[in-house]
Amino acid sequence: MYHREEVGPVSVVTKARRARRRALAVPLLMSTLLMLVLGELLLRQHGFLLVLVWLAAAALAQTPLGEWWASRLFYAAQRPLTHQRYTLAPVADVLLQHHMAPAGLQLLVGRWGASVNGLGRRTLVVTRDFVDLIRCGELPPRLAAAAIAHELSVMRAGLTRTEPALHVLLAPWHVWLSFMALMWGSARALIPLRLMQISLVTNWGVGLWLGYSDHPAYYAGSALLTVALLTWWAIRSAERAREAVGDLGLIDAGLATVYADHLTYHFTDDYTLDRAVRLRQPGTRMTSPPRRGHPWCRGDYTTQSTRAALRQASI
């Protein structure tokens, strides 16, 4: 029922790149439209000049100097101070032992973003909170090294090479998204989440009905909701594909088990628990779903055949 399947890193990286391109399609289009509108508002007939400056800034961000300034601007990053270097020294020792310390890497400490962020070809940014957790003993050096190794694996796969330019190009999208997140958070404070989800589905259906029965213009609202849902799904798929690339790197480096223990201890959702199993037992997956009428589908786990199947699957 279960078997171990060796998944090549090339196929995983290819899937991650494809998922990333799908996830960037709508945000890049929205950022371009927002910049065009802003240019028209600020410069009138010369609004295209603002778009040209925006594109030039994205191109400059791909240079080594631009990569440094992008880390300063988007993460408030700087070179680690003496006490931060001292705190990170045991983590660096673990990375060296597992051959996960690439030459030429520039380690910076920032204030914003995720705990560990790869930027460009040679810049890795960890947050001050991440360093403080190591200093206080709440984050063991080996687990911290696993988190950094995960991001280094993503960098080695080339998935962060265009991050400096994308930070510039997607800045309008992130501003608009932050505003929408603020509005959504304000609504959630007053309306239960389930009711908000039902209302979105209802609005989508009402838009379709009004477009069919009254005027085609009402289709626009349903179309926008559909695009928003597809964009969310694409971004979520890209994040998971990115995680798969980092997980392969952890397996190769021998740091997968400690990271899996961390996931199991802190998360309870099915996806994360499955991910922890894949980290401990790489390549394990179900080849095909159980047939209809199988005891597993009926929820019957007491028959002798089912118990034998479970033992054979090492569950």
C-alpha atoms as a PDB file:
ATOM      1  CA  MET A   1       0.000   0.000   0.000  1.00  0.00           C
ATOM      2  CA  TYR A   2       2.929   2.303   0.705  1.00  0.00           C
ATOM      3  CA  HIS A   3       6.353   2.327  -0.862  1.00  0.00           C
ATOM      4  CA  ARG A   4       9.457   4.445  -0.882  1.00  0.00           C
ATOM      5  CA  GLU A   5       9.835   6.485  -4.043  1.00  0.00           C
ATOM      6  CA  GLU A   6      13.082   8.273  -4.797  1.00  0.00           C
ATOM      7  CA  VAL A   7      12.181  11.751  -6.000  1.00  0.00           C
ATOM      8  CA  GLY A   8      14.907  13.509  -7.952  1.00  0.00           C
ATOM      9  CA  PRO A   9      15.859  17.000  -6.775  1.00  0.00           C
ATOM     10  CA  VAL A  10      15.722  18.289 -10.349  1.00  0.00           C
ATOM     11  CA  SER A  11      12.036  17.429 -10.727  1.00  0.00           C
ATOM     12  CA  VAL A  12      11.217  19.010  -7.378  1.00  0.00           C
ATOM     13  CA  VAL A  13      13.072  22.205  -8.271  1.00  0.00           C
ATOM     14  CA  THR A  14      11.389  22.321 -11.677  1.00  0.00           C
ATOM     15  CA  LYS A  15       7.967  21.988 -10.067  1.00  0.00           C
ATOM     16  CA  ALA A  16       8.844  24.750  -7.610  1.00  0.00           C
ATOM     17  CA  ARG A  17       9.905  27.081 -10.420  1.00  0.00           C
ATOM     18  CA  ARG A  18       6.719  26.423 -12.361  1.00  0.00           C
ATOM     19  CA  ALA A  19       4.579  26.965  -9.272  1.00  0.00           C
ATOM     20  CA  ARG A  20       6.468  30.176  -8.568  1.00  0.00           C
ATOM     21  CA  ARG A  21       5.812  31.505 -12.069  1.00  0.00           C
ATOM     22  CA  ARG A  22       2.099  30.762 -11.705  1.00  0.00           C
ATOM     23  CA  ALA A  23       1.998  32.482  -8.332  1.00  0.00           C
ATOM     24  CA  LEU A  24       3.707  35.626  -9.685  1.00  0.00           C
ATOM     25  CA  ALA A  25       1.454  36.150 -12.699  1.00  0.00           C
ATOM     26  CA  VAL A  26      -1.410  38.038 -11.048  1.00  0.00           C
ATOM     27  CA  PRO A  27       0.715  39.963  -8.468  1.00  0.00           C
ATOM     28  CA  LEU A  28       3.018  41.284 -11.226  1.00  0.00           C
ATOM     29  CA  LEU A  29       0.035  42.295 -13.351  1.00  0.00           C
ATOM     30  CA  MET A  30      -1.596  44.043 -10.386  1.00  0.00           C
ATOM     31  CA  SER A  31       1.655  45.838  -9.507  1.00  0.00           C
ATOM     32  CA  THR A  32       1.992  47.088 -13.089  1.00  0.00           C
ATOM     33  CA  LEU A  33      -1.585  48.375 -13.152  1.00  0.00           C
ATOM     34  CA  LEU A  34      -1.141  50.085  -9.787  1.00  0.00           C
ATOM     35  CA  MET A  35       2.073  51.770 -10.961  1.00  0.00           C
ATOM     36  CA  LEU A  36       0.357  52.961 -14.140  1.00  0.00           C
ATOM     37  CA  VAL A  37      -2.501  54.442 -12.133  1.00  0.00           C
ATOM     38  CA  LEU A  38      -0.084  56.063  -9.673  1.00  0.00           C
ATOM     39  CA  GLY A  39       1.941  57.495 -12.537  1.00  0.00           C
ATOM     40  CA  GLU A  40      -1.171  58.981 -14.102  1.00  0.00           C
ATOM     41  CA  LEU A  41      -2.184  60.540 -10.787  1.00  0.00           C
ATOM     42  CA  LEU A  42       1.242  62.014 -10.021  1.00  0.00           C
ATOM     43  CA  LEU A  43       2.737  62.866 -13.423  1.00  0.00           C
ATOM     44  CA  ARG A  44      -0.338  63.006 -15.660  1.00  0.00           C
ATOM     45  CA  GLN A  45       0.728  62.466 -19.275  1.00  0.00           C
ATOM     46  CA  HIS A  46       4.280  61.588 -18.188  1.00  0.00           C
ATOM     47  CA  GLY A  47       3.127  58.751 -15.981  1.00  0.00           C
ATOM     48  CA  PHE A  48       5.125  56.208 -17.985  1.00  0.00           C
ATOM     49  CA  LEU A  49       8.310  57.778 -16.571  1.00  0.00           C
ATOM     50  CA  LEU A  50       7.411  56.457 -13.126  1.00  0.00           C
ATOM     51  CA  VAL A  51       7.034  52.963 -14.599  1.00  0.00           C
ATOM     52  CA  LEU A  52      10.454  53.266 -16.262  1.00  0.00           C
ATOM     53  CA  VAL A  53      12.059  54.318 -12.973  1.00  0.00           C
ATOM     54  CA  TRP A  54      10.336  51.392 -11.248  1.00  0.00           C
ATOM     55  CA  LEU A  55      11.687  48.923 -13.801  1.00  0.00           C
ATOM     56  CA  ALA A  56      15.179  50.459 -13.609  1.00  0.00           C
ATOM     57  CA  ALA A  57      15.155  50.110  -9.819  1.00  0.00           C
ATOM     58  CA  ALA A  58      14.221  46.434 -10.180  1.00  0.00           C
ATOM     59  CA  ALA A  59      17.111  45.896 -12.603  1.00  0.00           C
ATOM     60  CA  LEU A  60      19.574  47.625 -10.268  1.00  0.00           C
ATOM     61  CA  ALA A  61      18.363  45.484  -7.369  1.00  0.00           C
ATOM     62  CA  GLN A  62      19.822  42.438  -9.137  1.00  0.00           C
ATOM     63  CA  THR A  63      23.372  43.791  -8.842  1.00  0.00           C
ATOM     64  CA  PRO A  64      25.496  42.934  -5.760  1.00  0.00           C
ATOM     65  CA  LEU A  65      25.147  46.491  -4.455  1.00  0.00           C
ATOM     66  CA  GLY A  66      21.421  46.474  -5.181  1.00  0.00           C
ATOM     67  CA  GLU A  67      21.088  43.192  -3.302  1.00  0.00           C
ATOM     68  CA  TRP A  68      22.640  44.840  -0.255  1.00  0.00           C
ATOM     69  CA  TRP A  69      20.335  47.853  -0.452  1.00  0.00           C
ATOM     70  CA  ALA A  70      17.302  45.611  -1.002  1.00  0.00           C
ATOM     71  CA  SER A  71      18.099  43.782   2.240  1.00  0.00           C
ATOM     72  CA  ARG A  72      18.437  47.132   4.022  1.00  0.00           C
ATOM     73  CA  LEU A  73      15.210  48.495   2.593  1.00  0.00           C
ATOM     74  CA  PHE A  74      12.911  45.476   2.830  1.00  0.00           C
ATOM     75  CA  TYR A  75      14.320  43.745   5.930  1.00  0.00           C
ATOM     76  CA  ALA A  76      16.106  46.576   7.775  1.00  0.00           C
ATOM     77  CA  ALA A  77      19.127  44.262   7.722  1.00  0.00           C
ATOM     78  CA  GLN A  78      22.649  45.017   8.841  1.00  0.00           C
ATOM     79  CA  ARG A  79      25.815  43.106   9.570  1.00  0.00           C
ATOM     80  CA  PRO A  80      25.571  41.108  12.810  1.00  0.00           C
ATOM     81  CA  LEU A  81      26.925  42.764  15.920  1.00  0.00           C
ATOM     82  CA  THR A  82      29.528  41.135  18.138  1.00  0.00           C
ATOM     83  CA  HIS A  83      27.042  39.518  20.530  1.00  0.00           C
ATOM     84  CA  GLN A  84      25.001  38.236  17.571  1.00  0.00           C
ATOM     85  CA  ARG A  85      28.081  36.677  15.988  1.00  0.00           C
ATOM     86  CA  TYR A  86      28.872  35.034  19.321  1.00  0.00           C
ATOM     87  CA  THR A  87      25.300  33.695  19.557  1.00  0.00           C
ATOM     88  CA  LEU A  88      25.342  32.349  16.011  1.00  0.00           C
ATOM     89  CA  ALA A  89      28.768  30.685  16.337  1.00  0.00           C
ATOM     90  CA  PRO A  90      27.385  27.290  17.555  1.00  0.00           C
ATOM     91  CA  VAL A  91      24.887  27.339  14.700  1.00  0.00           C
ATOM     92  CA  ALA A  92      27.685  27.974  12.223  1.00  0.00           C
ATOM     93  CA  ASP A  93      29.605  25.008  13.681  1.00  0.00           C
ATOM     94  CA  VAL A  94      26.633  22.703  13.025  1.00  0.00           C
ATOM     95  CA  LEU A  95      26.311  24.003   9.464  1.00  0.00           C
ATOM     96  CA  LEU A  96      30.033  23.410   8.862  1.00  0.00           C
ATOM     97  CA  GLN A  97      29.768  19.864  10.190  1.00  0.00           C
ATOM     98  CA  HIS A  98      26.968  19.161   7.716  1.00  0.00           C
ATOM     99  CA  HIS A  99      28.676  20.958   4.806  1.00  0.00           C
ATOM    100  CA  MET A 100      25.980  23.622   4.625  1.00  0.00           C
ATOM    101  CA  ALA A 101      28.110  26.772   4.821  1.00  0.00           C
ATOM    102  CA  PRO A 102      28.673  28.016   1.246  1.00  0.00           C
ATOM    103  CA  ALA A 103      31.636  30.255   0.520  1.00  0.00           C
ATOM    104  CA  GLY A 104      30.856  33.911  -0.081  1.00  0.00           C
ATOM    105  CA  LEU A 105      27.612  33.884   1.887  1.00  0.00           C
ATOM    106  CA  GLN A 106      26.704  37.233   3.419  1.00  0.00           C
ATOM    107  CA  LEU A 107      24.825  36.798   6.710  1.00  0.00           C
ATOM    108  CA  LEU A 108      22.773  39.774   7.871  1.00  0.00           C
ATOM    109  CA  VAL A 109      20.454  40.372  10.804  1.00  0.00           C
ATOM    110  CA  GLY A 110      17.192  42.145  10.071  1.00  0.00           C
ATOM    111  CA  ARG A 111      14.055  43.254  11.880  1.00  0.00           C
ATOM    112  CA  TRP A 112      11.274  42.208   9.491  1.00  0.00           C
ATOM    113  CA  GLY A 113      10.223  39.202   7.483  1.00  0.00           C
ATOM    114  CA  ALA A 114      10.338  35.504   8.237  1.00  0.00           C
ATOM    115  CA  SER A 115      12.883  34.096  10.674  1.00  0.00           C
ATOM    116  CA  VAL A 116      15.250  33.145   7.825  1.00  0.00           C
ATOM    117  CA  ASN A 117      15.132  34.790   4.384  1.00  0.00           C
ATOM    118  CA  GLY A 118      17.262  34.073   1.340  1.00  0.00           C
ATOM    119  CA  LEU A 119      17.781  37.098  -0.891  1.00  0.00           C
ATOM    120  CA  GLY A 120      19.512  36.938  -4.227  1.00  0.00           C
ATOM    121  CA  ARG A 121      22.567  34.750  -4.771  1.00  0.00           C
ATOM    122  CA  ARG A 122      24.606  35.347  -1.632  1.00  0.00           C
ATOM    123  CA  THR A 123      22.575  37.131   1.038  1.00  0.00           C
ATOM    124  CA  LEU A 124      20.902  35.389   3.968  1.00  0.00           C
ATOM    125  CA  VAL A 125      18.910  37.446   6.473  1.00  0.00           C
ATOM    126  CA  VAL A 126      17.916  36.189   9.919  1.00  0.00           C
ATOM    127  CA  THR A 127      15.756  38.265  12.228  1.00  0.00           C
ATOM    128  CA  ARG A 128      16.780  39.664  15.589  1.00  0.00           C
ATOM    129  CA  ASP A 129      14.042  37.597  17.224  1.00  0.00           C
ATOM    130  CA  PHE A 130      15.568  34.453  15.714  1.00  0.00           C
ATOM    131  CA  VAL A 131      18.962  35.326  17.203  1.00  0.00           C
ATOM    132  CA  ASP A 132      17.405  36.218  20.555  1.00  0.00           C
ATOM    133  CA  LEU A 133      15.680  32.824  20.748  1.00  0.00           C
ATOM    134  CA  ILE A 134      19.058  31.140  20.263  1.00  0.00           C
ATOM    135  CA  ARG A 135      20.680  33.371  22.867  1.00  0.00           C
ATOM    136  CA  CYS A 136      17.970  32.620  25.446  1.00  0.00           C
ATOM    137  CA  GLY A 137      18.229  28.875  24.849  1.00  0.00           C
ATOM    138  CA  GLU A 138      14.671  28.524  23.521  1.00  0.00           C
ATOM    139  CA  LEU A 139      15.969  27.560  20.071  1.00  0.00           C
ATOM    140  CA  PRO A 140      18.681  24.854  20.133  1.00  0.00           C
ATOM    141  CA  PRO A 141      21.633  25.466  17.797  1.00  0.00           C
ATOM    142  CA  ARG A 142      20.956  22.267  15.859  1.00  0.00           C
ATOM    143  CA  LEU A 143      17.335  23.254  15.166  1.00  0.00           C
ATOM    144  CA  ALA A 144      18.402  26.787  14.227  1.00  0.00           C
ATOM    145  CA  ALA A 145      20.978  25.273  11.867  1.00  0.00           C
ATOM    146  CA  ALA A 146      18.232  23.128  10.308  1.00  0.00           C
ATOM    147  CA  ALA A 147      16.080  26.218   9.694  1.00  0.00           C
ATOM    148  CA  ILE A 148      19.006  28.006   8.058  1.00  0.00           C
ATOM    149  CA  ALA A 149      19.975  24.911   6.057  1.00  0.00           C
ATOM    150  CA  HIS A 150      16.415  24.717   4.737  1.00  0.00           C
ATOM    151  CA  GLU A 151      16.691  28.241   3.317  1.00  0.00           C
ATOM    152  CA  LEU A 152      20.213  27.610   2.028  1.00  0.00           C
ATOM    153  CA  SER A 153      18.889  24.636   0.079  1.00  0.00           C
ATOM    154  CA  VAL A 154      16.292  26.898  -1.516  1.00  0.00           C
ATOM    155  CA  MET A 155      19.050  29.368  -2.398  1.00  0.00           C
ATOM    156  CA  ARG A 156      21.206  26.621  -3.907  1.00  0.00           C
ATOM    157  CA  ALA A 157      18.287  25.630  -6.138  1.00  0.00           C
ATOM    158  CA  GLY A 158      18.255  29.179  -7.526  1.00  0.00           C
ATOM    159  CA  LEU A 159      14.778  30.038  -6.277  1.00  0.00           C
ATOM    160  CA  THR A 160      15.934  33.261  -4.599  1.00  0.00           C
ATOM    161  CA  ARG A 161      18.098  34.726  -7.380  1.00  0.00           C
ATOM    162  CA  THR A 162      15.424  37.157  -8.561  1.00  0.00           C
ATOM    163  CA  GLU A 163      14.120  38.012  -5.089  1.00  0.00           C
ATOM    164  CA  PRO A 164      15.714  41.517  -4.949  1.00  0.00           C
ATOM    165  CA  ALA A 165      14.049  42.547  -8.220  1.00  0.00           C
ATOM    166  CA  LEU A 166      10.768  40.926  -7.227  1.00  0.00           C
ATOM    167  CA  HIS A 167      10.748  42.843  -3.952  1.00  0.00           C
ATOM    168  CA  VAL A 168      10.855  46.051  -5.981  1.00  0.00           C
ATOM    169  CA  LEU A 169       8.386  44.920  -8.630  1.00  0.00           C
ATOM    170  CA  LEU A 170       5.879  43.592  -6.109  1.00  0.00           C
ATOM    171  CA  ALA A 171       6.070  46.563  -3.733  1.00  0.00           C
ATOM    172  CA  PRO A 172       2.749  48.060  -5.036  1.00  0.00           C
ATOM    173  CA  TRP A 173       1.093  44.644  -4.730  1.00  0.00           C
ATOM    174  CA  HIS A 174       2.318  44.244  -1.143  1.00  0.00           C
ATOM    175  CA  VAL A 175       1.042  47.707  -0.199  1.00  0.00           C
ATOM    176  CA  TRP A 176      -2.361  46.902  -1.687  1.00  0.00           C
ATOM    177  CA  LEU A 177      -2.339  43.461  -0.054  1.00  0.00           C
ATOM    178  CA  SER A 178      -1.490  44.975   3.333  1.00  0.00           C
ATOM    179  CA  PHE A 179      -4.472  47.302   3.002  1.00  0.00           C
ATOM    180  CA  MET A 180      -6.746  44.382   2.111  1.00  0.00           C
ATOM    181  CA  ALA A 181      -5.367  42.352   5.029  1.00  0.00           C
ATOM    182  CA  LEU A 182      -6.115  45.279   7.344  1.00  0.00           C
ATOM    183  CA  MET A 183      -9.681  45.469   6.071  1.00  0.00           C
ATOM    184  CA  TRP A 184     -10.078  41.696   6.384  1.00  0.00           C
ATOM    185  CA  GLY A 185      -8.712  41.757   9.945  1.00  0.00           C
ATOM    186  CA  SER A 186     -11.077  44.567  10.901  1.00  0.00           C
ATOM    187  CA  ALA A 187     -14.019  42.614   9.518  1.00  0.00           C
ATOM    188  CA  ARG A 188     -12.929  39.450  11.326  1.00  0.00           C
ATOM    189  CA  ALA A 189     -12.975  41.352  14.619  1.00  0.00           C
ATOM    190  CA  LEU A 190     -16.698  41.950  14.113  1.00  0.00           C
ATOM    191  CA  ILE A 191     -17.855  39.010  11.990  1.00  0.00           C
ATOM    192  CA  PRO A 192     -17.114  35.308  12.554  1.00  0.00           C
ATOM    193  CA  LEU A 193     -14.714  33.824  10.001  1.00  0.00           C
ATOM    194  CA  ARG A 194     -17.167  31.155   8.857  1.00  0.00           C
ATOM    195  CA  LEU A 195     -19.840  33.779   8.184  1.00  0.00           C
ATOM    196  CA  MET A 196     -17.357  35.846   6.147  1.00  0.00           C
ATOM    197  CA  GLN A 197     -16.463  32.817   4.042  1.00  0.00           C
ATOM    198  CA  ILE A 198     -20.136  32.053   3.448  1.00  0.00           C
ATOM    199  CA  SER A 199     -20.761  35.668   2.446  1.00  0.00           C
ATOM    200  CA  LEU A 200     -17.936  35.543  -0.132  1.00  0.00           C
ATOM    201  CA  VAL A 201     -19.376  32.389  -1.682  1.00  0.00           C
ATOM    202  CA  THR A 202     -22.829  33.964  -1.654  1.00  0.00           C
ATOM    203  CA  ASN A 203     -21.541  37.130  -3.375  1.00  0.00           C
ATOM    204  CA  TRP A 204     -19.856  34.984  -6.011  1.00  0.00           C
ATOM    205  CA  GLY A 205     -23.093  33.102  -6.720  1.00  0.00           C
ATOM    206  CA  VAL A 206     -25.200  36.294  -6.722  1.00  0.00           C
ATOM    207  CA  GLY A 207     -22.797  37.874  -9.233  1.00  0.00           C
ATOM    208  CA  LEU A 208     -23.210  34.930 -11.574  1.00  0.00           C
ATOM    209  CA  TRP A 209     -26.990  35.000 -11.246  1.00  0.00           C
ATOM    210  CA  LEU A 210     -27.253  38.767 -11.822  1.00  0.00           C
ATOM    211  CA  GLY A 211     -24.874  38.525 -14.770  1.00  0.00           C
ATOM    212  CA  TYR A 212     -27.067  35.840 -16.327  1.00  0.00           C
ATOM    213  CA  SER A 213     -30.452  37.391 -15.548  1.00  0.00           C
ATOM    214  CA  ASP A 214     -29.800  41.159 -15.480  1.00  0.00           C
ATOM    215  CA  HIS A 215     -26.566  42.479 -17.046  1.00  0.00           C
ATOM    216  CA  PRO A 216     -23.224  40.858 -17.994  1.00  0.00           C
ATOM    217  CA  ALA A 217     -21.373  43.556 -16.035  1.00  0.00           C
ATOM    218  CA  TYR A 218     -22.224  41.699 -12.824  1.00  0.00           C
ATOM    219  CA  TYR A 219     -19.962  38.882 -13.967  1.00  0.00           C
ATOM    220  CA  ALA A 220     -16.996  41.130 -13.097  1.00  0.00           C
ATOM    221  CA  GLY A 221     -17.475  40.721  -9.345  1.00  0.00           C
ATOM    222  CA  SER A 222     -17.577  36.932  -9.579  1.00  0.00           C
ATOM    223  CA  ALA A 223     -14.581  36.979 -11.927  1.00  0.00           C
ATOM    224  CA  LEU A 224     -12.547  39.048  -9.442  1.00  0.00           C
ATOM    225  CA  LEU A 225     -13.390  36.653  -6.616  1.00  0.00           C
ATOM    226  CA  THR A 226     -12.394  33.709  -8.813  1.00  0.00           C
ATOM    227  CA  VAL A 227      -9.063  35.320  -9.724  1.00  0.00           C
ATOM    228  CA  ALA A 228      -8.416  36.107  -6.059  1.00  0.00           C
ATOM    229  CA  LEU A 229      -9.093  32.487  -5.081  1.00  0.00           C
ATOM    230  CA  LEU A 230      -6.878  31.134  -7.869  1.00  0.00           C
ATOM    231  CA  THR A 231      -4.103  33.550  -6.887  1.00  0.00           C
ATOM    232  CA  TRP A 232      -4.304  32.449  -3.262  1.00  0.00           C
ATOM    233  CA  TRP A 233      -4.163  28.824  -4.360  1.00  0.00           C
ATOM    234  CA  ALA A 234      -1.183  29.492  -6.657  1.00  0.00           C
ATOM    235  CA  ILE A 235       0.754  31.297  -3.924  1.00  0.00           C
ATOM    236  CA  ARG A 236       0.005  28.524  -1.435  1.00  0.00           C
ATOM    237  CA  SER A 237       1.125  25.878  -3.941  1.00  0.00           C
ATOM    238  CA  ALA A 238       4.334  27.803  -4.627  1.00  0.00           C
ATOM    239  CA  GLU A 239       5.090  28.027  -0.915  1.00  0.00           C
ATOM    240  CA  ARG A 240       4.625  24.294  -0.495  1.00  0.00           C
ATOM    241  CA  ALA A 241       6.762  23.535  -3.549  1.00  0.00           C
ATOM    242  CA  ARG A 242       9.455  25.785  -2.096  1.00  0.00           C
ATOM    243  CA  GLU A 243       9.240  23.918   1.199  1.00  0.00           C
ATOM    244  CA  ALA A 244       9.705  20.625  -0.651  1.00  0.00           C
ATOM    245  CA  VAL A 245      12.970  21.895  -2.146  1.00  0.00           C
ATOM    246  CA  GLY A 246      14.250  22.913   1.286  1.00  0.00           C
ATOM    247  CA  ASP A 247      13.149  19.598   2.782  1.00  0.00           C
ATOM    248  CA  LEU A 248      15.218  17.706   0.212  1.00  0.00           C
ATOM    249  CA  GLY A 249      18.216  19.780   1.241  1.00  0.00           C
ATOM    250  CA  LEU A 250      17.635  18.924   4.898  1.00  0.00           C
ATOM    251  CA  ILE A 251      17.483  15.225   4.053  1.00  0.00           C
ATOM    252  CA  ASP A 252      20.760  15.423   2.137  1.00  0.00           C
ATOM    253  CA  ALA A 253      22.402  17.368   4.976  1.00  0.00           C
ATOM    254  CA  GLY A 254      21.229  14.958   7.676  1.00  0.00           C
ATOM    255  CA  LEU A 255      19.195  17.592   9.545  1.00  0.00           C
ATOM    256  CA  ALA A 256      15.730  16.386   8.560  1.00  0.00           C
ATOM    257  CA  THR A 257      14.915  14.536  11.781  1.00  0.00           C
ATOM    258  CA  VAL A 258      15.426  17.476  14.117  1.00  0.00           C
ATOM    259  CA  TYR A 259      13.312  19.677  11.844  1.00  0.00           C
ATOM    260  CA  ALA A 260      10.595  17.010  11.666  1.00  0.00           C
ATOM    261  CA  ASP A 261      10.508  16.824  15.481  1.00  0.00           C
ATOM    262  CA  HIS A 262      10.027  20.592  15.596  1.00  0.00           C
ATOM    263  CA  LEU A 263       7.137  20.444  13.115  1.00  0.00           C
ATOM    264  CA  THR A 264       5.439  17.595  14.968  1.00  0.00           C
ATOM    265  CA  TYR A 265       5.719  19.357  18.316  1.00  0.00           C
ATOM    266  CA  HIS A 266       4.447  22.776  17.218  1.00  0.00           C
ATOM    267  CA  PHE A 267       1.870  21.991  14.519  1.00  0.00           C
ATOM    268  CA  THR A 268      -1.182  19.762  14.339  1.00  0.00           C
ATOM    269  CA  ASP A 269      -2.534  20.283  10.805  1.00  0.00           C
ATOM    270  CA  ASP A 270      -2.503  17.322   8.435  1.00  0.00           C
ATOM    271  CA  TYR A 271      -0.212  18.871   5.831  1.00  0.00           C
ATOM    272  CA  THR A 272       2.551  19.647   8.330  1.00  0.00           C
ATOM    273  CA  LEU A 273       2.305  16.235   9.995  1.00  0.00           C
ATOM    274  CA  ASP A 274       2.547  14.552   6.582  1.00  0.00           C
ATOM    275  CA  ARG A 275       5.540  16.730   5.825  1.00  0.00           C
ATOM    276  CA  ALA A 276       7.215  15.616   9.050  1.00  0.00           C
ATOM    277  CA  VAL A 277       6.701  11.963   8.044  1.00  0.00           C
ATOM    278  CA  ARG A 278       8.262  12.637   4.639  1.00  0.00           C
ATOM    279  CA  LEU A 279      11.248  14.240   6.349  1.00  0.00           C
ATOM    280  CA  ARG A 280      11.779  11.186   8.547  1.00  0.00           C
ATOM    281  CA  GLN A 281      11.067   8.675   5.771  1.00  0.00           C
ATOM    282  CA  PRO A 282      11.930  10.325   2.428  1.00  0.00           C
ATOM    283  CA  GLY A 283       9.915   9.209  -0.583  1.00  0.00           C
ATOM    284  CA  THR A 284       7.108   7.502   1.342  1.00  0.00           C
ATOM    285  CA  ARG A 285       3.699   8.059  -0.183  1.00  0.00           C
ATOM    286  CA  MET A 286       0.472   6.169  -0.945  1.00  0.00           C
ATOM    287  CA  THR A 287       0.600   4.752  -4.464  1.00  0.00           C
ATOM    288  CA  SER A 288      -3.189   4.689  -4.927  1.00  0.00           C
ATOM    289  CA  PRO A 289      -6.253   5.401  -2.779  1.00  0.00           C
ATOM    290  CA  PRO A 290      -8.019   2.454  -1.131  1.00  0.00           C
ATOM    291  CA  ARG A 291     -10.686   0.802  -3.256  1.00  0.00           C
ATOM    292  CA  ARG A 292     -14.323   1.512  -2.531  1.00  0.00           C
ATOM    293  CA  GLY A 293     -15.580  -1.032  -0.030  1.00  0.00           C
ATOM    294  CA  HIS A 294     -12.138  -1.444   1.525  1.00  0.00           C
ATOM    295  CA  PRO A 295     -12.310  -1.595   5.356  1.00  0.00           C
ATOM    296  CA  TRP A 296     -10.299   1.640   5.574  1.00  0.00           C
ATOM    297  CA  CYS A 297     -12.994   3.462   3.582  1.00  0.00           C
ATOM    298  CA  ARG A 298     -15.702   2.092   5.902  1.00  0.00           C
ATOM    299  CA  GLY A 299     -13.766   3.184   8.961  1.00  0.00           C
ATOM    300  CA  ASP A 300     -13.424  -0.459  10.098  1.00  0.00           C
ATOM    301  CA  TYR A 301      -9.993  -1.007  11.650  1.00  0.00           C
ATOM    302  CA  THR A 302     -10.839  -4.154  13.583  1.00  0.00           C
ATOM    303  CA  THR A 303     -10.727  -6.885  10.932  1.00  0.00           C
ATOM    304  CA  GLN A 304      -7.777  -9.191  10.737  1.00  0.00           C
ATOM    305  CA  SER A 305      -7.004  -8.265   7.106  1.00  0.00           C
ATOM    306  CA  THR A 306      -6.911  -4.568   7.965  1.00  0.00           C
ATOM    307  CA  ARG A 307      -4.577  -5.132  10.904  1.00  0.00           C
ATOM    308  CA  ALA A 308      -2.290  -7.162   8.646  1.00  0.00           C
ATOM    309  CA  ALA A 309      -2.327  -4.392   6.045  1.00  0.00           C
ATOM    310  CA  LEU A 310      -1.450  -1.821   8.665  1.00  0.00           C
ATOM    311  CA  ARG A 311       1.469  -3.929   9.899  1.00  0.00           C
ATOM    312  CA  GLN A 312       2.691  -4.380   6.327  1.00  0.00           C
ATOM    313  CA  ALA A 313       2.545  -0.631   5.759  1.00  0.00           C
ATOM    314  CA  SER A 314       4.522  -0.087   9.009  1.00  0.00           C
ATOM    315  CA  ILE A 315       1.805   2.168  10.412  1.00  0.00           C
END
